[in-house]
């Protein structure tokens, strides 16, 4: 992981430390121009396969869009408009630059906003979010999903990728829990909160929360190519009536 984080064109150790000591929004503003040279950007095979599984739609929204990892793939399959919302202006600026030549004809709209207070009502056929669930506290999940439910048209779907919690016998299980413990201590000691935790929105734990929000939920395995075979594609559909 250390070797993956410190790429030649990516953030330096000091830049990542400055990010970690800032608020979440300010932290992403600081690393926006180098974010895509980190392992934290959702891999292209995942977003391409997710868009393929979604198919063609009229209007799409990507929540916590970052530098636009999913927006380019969605634009190719969207007829009218594809909207990206993020709380970091720096990340949106980078998304605008990277999406300038993205294939497709759908209008691209980039919105500075709060994922917990989405300014949309019955506007989209599909809503996605990739690589961002660690920024949603568990106590905010109901509010987050309520906004997505409201943003969807009847019959529309919230589509995202997750996985199961790794077993305690794996190194990733302990690394994730160790990281989360460090972040809890950091946020207890510093006033500026940096919200980022692993092992959130995991399957099947997230299913009851989705159902409580009003969604009809299905999950598909064996969708993504190696080495992403553990990925689970979740479709949370807003009922038509």
Protein backbone atom coordinates (compact mmCIF):
# COMPACT_ATOMS: atom_id res chain seq x y z
CA UNK A 1 0.00 0.00 0.00
CA UNK A 2 2.81 2.44 0.81
CA UNK A 3 4.39 1.94 -2.61
CA UNK A 4 0.98 2.37 -4.28
CA UNK A 5 0.25 5.63 -2.45
CA UNK A 6 3.52 7.35 -3.23
CA UNK A 7 3.51 7.52 -7.02
CA UNK A 8 5.98 9.87 -8.80
CA UNK A 9 3.20 12.29 -9.79
CA UNK A 10 1.04 11.69 -6.72
CA UNK A 11 0.83 13.47 -3.37
CA UNK A 12 3.93 13.44 -1.20
CA UNK A 13 3.92 12.17 2.36
CA UNK A 14 3.80 15.74 3.67
CA UNK A 15 0.90 16.62 1.36
CA UNK A 16 -1.07 13.61 2.56
CA UNK A 17 -0.33 14.54 6.17
CA UNK A 18 -1.58 18.09 5.52
CA UNK A 19 -4.73 16.60 4.03
CA UNK A 20 -5.26 14.33 7.03
CA UNK A 21 -4.91 17.26 9.44
CA UNK A 22 -7.41 19.41 7.53
CA UNK A 23 -11.19 19.22 7.33
CA UNK A 24 -12.53 16.70 4.81
CA UNK A 25 -13.44 19.40 2.28
CA UNK A 26 -10.20 21.34 2.64
CA UNK A 27 -8.18 18.12 2.52
CA UNK A 28 -9.57 17.18 -0.87
CA UNK A 29 -9.07 20.69 -2.20
CA UNK A 30 -5.40 20.32 -1.28
CA UNK A 31 -4.80 17.02 -3.14
CA UNK A 32 -7.31 17.40 -5.98
CA UNK A 33 -4.75 17.91 -8.76
CA UNK A 34 -2.84 14.80 -7.72
CA UNK A 35 -5.75 12.65 -6.52
CA UNK A 36 -5.89 10.51 -9.65
CA UNK A 37 -2.28 9.46 -9.04
CA UNK A 38 -3.29 7.70 -5.82
CA UNK A 39 -4.86 4.24 -5.31
CA UNK A 40 -7.95 5.95 -3.87
CA UNK A 41 -9.48 6.70 -7.27
CA UNK A 42 -11.96 3.97 -8.18
CA UNK A 43 -10.34 1.71 -10.79
CA UNK A 44 -11.48 2.20 -14.38
CA UNK A 45 -12.61 -1.44 -14.90
CA UNK A 46 -15.08 -1.06 -12.02
CA UNK A 47 -16.70 2.15 -13.24
CA UNK A 48 -16.83 0.94 -16.86
CA UNK A 49 -18.51 -2.33 -15.89
CA UNK A 50 -20.90 -0.53 -13.55
CA UNK A 51 -21.94 1.82 -16.37
CA UNK A 52 -22.35 -1.15 -18.71
CA UNK A 53 -24.60 -2.89 -16.20
CA UNK A 54 -26.69 0.27 -15.79
CA UNK A 55 -27.28 0.62 -19.53
CA UNK A 56 -28.71 3.64 -21.33
CA UNK A 57 -30.63 6.28 -19.33
CA UNK A 58 -31.92 9.81 -19.82
CA UNK A 59 -30.44 11.50 -16.74
CA UNK A 60 -27.77 10.33 -14.27
CA UNK A 61 -26.33 11.67 -11.01
CA UNK A 62 -23.03 10.72 -9.37
CA UNK A 63 -22.89 11.70 -5.69
CA UNK A 64 -19.46 12.55 -4.26
CA UNK A 65 -18.15 12.57 -7.83
CA UNK A 66 -14.61 13.63 -6.98
CA UNK A 67 -12.50 14.07 -10.10
CA UNK A 68 -15.14 12.36 -12.23
CA UNK A 69 -14.16 8.69 -12.17
CA UNK A 70 -17.73 7.57 -12.90
CA UNK A 71 -18.98 10.59 -14.83
CA UNK A 72 -17.06 9.85 -18.02
CA UNK A 73 -18.35 6.28 -18.15
CA UNK A 74 -21.90 7.41 -17.38
CA UNK A 75 -21.87 10.12 -20.04
CA UNK A 76 -21.48 7.55 -22.82
CA UNK A 77 -24.74 5.93 -21.70
CA UNK A 78 -26.73 9.04 -20.79
CA UNK A 79 -28.92 10.83 -23.32
CA UNK A 80 -29.74 14.17 -21.67
CA UNK A 81 -27.53 15.16 -18.73
CA UNK A 82 -25.08 13.68 -16.27
CA UNK A 83 -24.62 15.54 -13.00
CA UNK A 84 -21.74 15.27 -10.56
CA UNK A 85 -22.03 16.60 -7.02
CA UNK A 86 -19.14 17.04 -4.59
CA UNK A 87 -18.29 19.20 -1.58
CA UNK A 88 -14.76 19.99 -2.81
CA UNK A 89 -14.43 22.76 -5.39
CA UNK A 90 -10.89 21.58 -6.08
CA UNK A 91 -12.12 18.11 -7.03
CA UNK A 92 -14.89 19.60 -9.20
CA UNK A 93 -12.36 21.80 -10.99
CA UNK A 94 -10.28 18.74 -11.74
CA UNK A 95 -13.38 16.84 -12.91
CA UNK A 96 -14.24 19.68 -15.29
CA UNK A 97 -10.75 19.55 -16.78
CA UNK A 98 -10.72 15.78 -17.16
CA UNK A 99 -14.25 15.54 -18.58
CA UNK A 100 -13.74 18.19 -21.27
CA UNK A 101 -13.03 15.50 -23.87
CA UNK A 102 -15.14 12.67 -22.43
CA UNK A 103 -17.07 10.76 -25.12
CA UNK A 104 -20.81 11.27 -25.36
CA UNK A 105 -23.25 14.10 -25.99
CA UNK A 106 -25.05 14.41 -22.63
CA UNK A 107 -24.72 17.76 -20.90
CA UNK A 108 -22.29 17.65 -17.95
CA UNK A 109 -23.24 19.60 -14.84
CA UNK A 110 -20.92 19.86 -11.83
CA UNK A 111 -22.53 20.97 -8.58
CA UNK A 112 -20.83 22.09 -5.37
CA UNK A 113 -23.00 20.68 -2.63
CA UNK A 114 -23.57 18.47 0.40
CA UNK A 115 -24.28 14.77 -0.16
CA UNK A 116 -26.48 14.88 2.95
CA UNK A 117 -28.66 17.64 1.50
CA UNK A 118 -29.09 16.84 -2.19
CA UNK A 119 -30.88 19.67 -4.08
CA UNK A 120 -32.79 17.33 -6.43
CA UNK A 121 -36.34 16.00 -6.56
CA UNK A 122 -37.50 13.22 -8.95
CA UNK A 123 -34.89 14.17 -11.57
CA UNK A 124 -32.77 11.08 -12.32
CA UNK A 125 -33.11 7.58 -13.74
CA UNK A 126 -29.99 6.43 -11.95
CA UNK A 127 -27.84 7.66 -9.07
CA UNK A 128 -24.35 6.29 -8.44
CA UNK A 129 -21.62 6.84 -5.89
CA UNK A 130 -18.17 5.27 -6.08
CA UNK A 131 -15.38 5.19 -3.53
CA UNK A 132 -17.04 7.71 -1.22
CA UNK A 133 -19.03 5.79 1.40
CA UNK A 134 -16.22 6.13 3.93
CA UNK A 135 -17.10 9.82 4.14
CA UNK A 136 -20.64 9.04 5.33
CA UNK A 137 -20.89 8.43 9.07
CA UNK A 138 -23.13 5.52 10.05
CA UNK A 139 -25.49 7.89 11.86
CA UNK A 140 -25.89 9.85 8.60
CA UNK A 141 -26.63 6.87 6.32
CA UNK A 142 -30.42 7.23 6.60
CA UNK A 143 -30.23 10.92 5.70
CA UNK A 144 -27.84 10.18 2.82
CA UNK A 145 -30.13 7.52 1.36
CA UNK A 146 -33.25 9.65 1.85
CA UNK A 147 -31.72 12.31 -0.40
CA UNK A 148 -30.86 9.76 -3.07
CA UNK A 149 -34.35 8.26 -2.89
CA UNK A 150 -35.84 11.74 -3.34
CA UNK A 151 -33.54 12.54 -6.28
CA UNK A 152 -34.65 9.46 -8.22
CA UNK A 153 -37.68 9.25 -10.45
CA UNK A 154 -40.11 6.40 -9.66
CA UNK A 155 -38.57 3.25 -11.10
CA UNK A 156 -35.07 4.71 -10.97
CA UNK A 157 -32.18 2.98 -9.22
CA UNK A 158 -29.31 3.78 -6.89
CA UNK A 159 -26.45 1.61 -8.20
CA UNK A 160 -23.18 1.13 -6.35
CA UNK A 161 -20.36 -1.32 -5.76
CA UNK A 162 -19.45 -2.79 -2.40
CA UNK A 163 -18.17 -6.06 -0.95
CA UNK A 164 -18.49 -8.24 2.12
CA UNK A 165 -16.49 -7.57 5.26
CA UNK A 166 -13.19 -9.44 4.91
CA UNK A 167 -12.66 -12.28 7.38
CA UNK A 168 -10.53 -11.63 10.49
CA UNK A 169 -7.90 -13.98 9.09
CA UNK A 170 -6.99 -11.48 6.35
CA UNK A 171 -4.48 -8.60 6.72
CA UNK A 172 -6.98 -6.12 5.20
CA UNK A 173 -9.46 -6.73 8.04
CA UNK A 174 -6.89 -5.60 10.64
CA UNK A 175 -5.48 -2.79 8.51
CA UNK A 176 -8.97 -1.34 8.01
CA UNK A 177 -9.83 -1.55 11.70
CA UNK A 178 -6.47 -0.05 12.62
CA UNK A 179 -6.98 2.85 10.23
CA UNK A 180 -10.47 3.46 11.62
CA UNK A 181 -9.12 3.52 15.19
CA UNK A 182 -6.48 6.10 14.24
CA UNK A 183 -9.10 8.28 12.56
CA UNK A 184 -11.39 8.15 15.60
CA UNK A 185 -8.53 9.32 17.83
CA UNK A 186 -7.59 12.05 15.32
CA UNK A 187 -11.18 13.33 15.17
CA UNK A 188 -11.50 13.25 18.95
CA UNK A 189 -8.40 15.40 19.37
CA UNK A 190 -8.77 17.89 16.50
CA UNK A 191 -11.63 20.29 15.91
CA UNK A 192 -11.43 20.08 12.11
CA UNK A 193 -12.97 16.71 11.31
CA UNK A 194 -11.63 14.50 8.54
CA UNK A 195 -14.30 11.90 7.94
CA UNK A 196 -12.92 8.77 6.30
CA UNK A 197 -13.55 5.25 7.55
CA UNK A 198 -13.26 1.84 5.94
CA UNK A 199 -15.71 -1.09 6.06
CA UNK A 200 -18.80 1.05 5.50
CA UNK A 201 -21.81 0.27 3.28
CA UNK A 202 -20.73 -3.39 3.29
CA UNK A 203 -22.98 -6.17 2.02
CA UNK A 204 -25.28 -7.48 3.45
CA UNK A 205 -25.14 -5.05 6.40
CA UNK A 206 -26.34 -2.12 4.29
CA UNK A 207 -29.41 -3.94 2.97
CA UNK A 208 -31.74 -3.15 5.94
CA UNK A 209 -30.79 0.52 5.73
CA UNK A 210 -31.64 0.61 2.02
CA UNK A 211 -34.96 -1.13 2.65
CA UNK A 212 -35.76 1.30 5.46
CA UNK A 213 -35.21 4.16 2.99
CA UNK A 214 -37.90 2.66 0.72
CA UNK A 215 -35.75 0.82 -1.83
CA UNK A 216 -36.27 -2.60 -3.41
CA UNK A 217 -32.80 -4.16 -3.26
CA UNK A 218 -30.93 -6.76 -5.31
CA UNK A 219 -27.24 -7.66 -5.36
CA UNK A 220 -25.16 -9.32 -8.07
CA UNK A 221 -21.89 -11.18 -7.65
CA UNK A 222 -19.31 -12.22 -10.23
CA UNK A 223 -19.84 -9.04 -12.23
CA UNK A 224 -16.39 -7.47 -12.19
CA UNK A 225 -13.17 -8.73 -13.80
CA UNK A 226 -10.15 -9.89 -11.83
CA UNK A 227 -8.69 -8.65 -9.53
CA UNK A 228 -12.00 -7.01 -8.57
CA UNK A 229 -14.01 -10.21 -8.34
CA UNK A 230 -15.03 -9.56 -4.71
CA UNK A 231 -17.03 -6.57 -5.86
CA UNK A 232 -20.83 -6.78 -5.45
CA UNK A 233 -23.09 -4.68 -7.66
CA UNK A 234 -26.06 -3.41 -5.64
CA UNK A 235 -29.21 -2.06 -7.27
CA UNK A 236 -31.57 -0.20 -4.97
CA UNK A 237 -34.74 0.58 -6.95
CA UNK A 238 -37.29 3.26 -6.11
CA UNK A 239 -40.75 1.70 -6.55
CA UNK A 240 -42.94 3.08 -9.32
CA UNK A 241 -45.92 3.42 -7.03
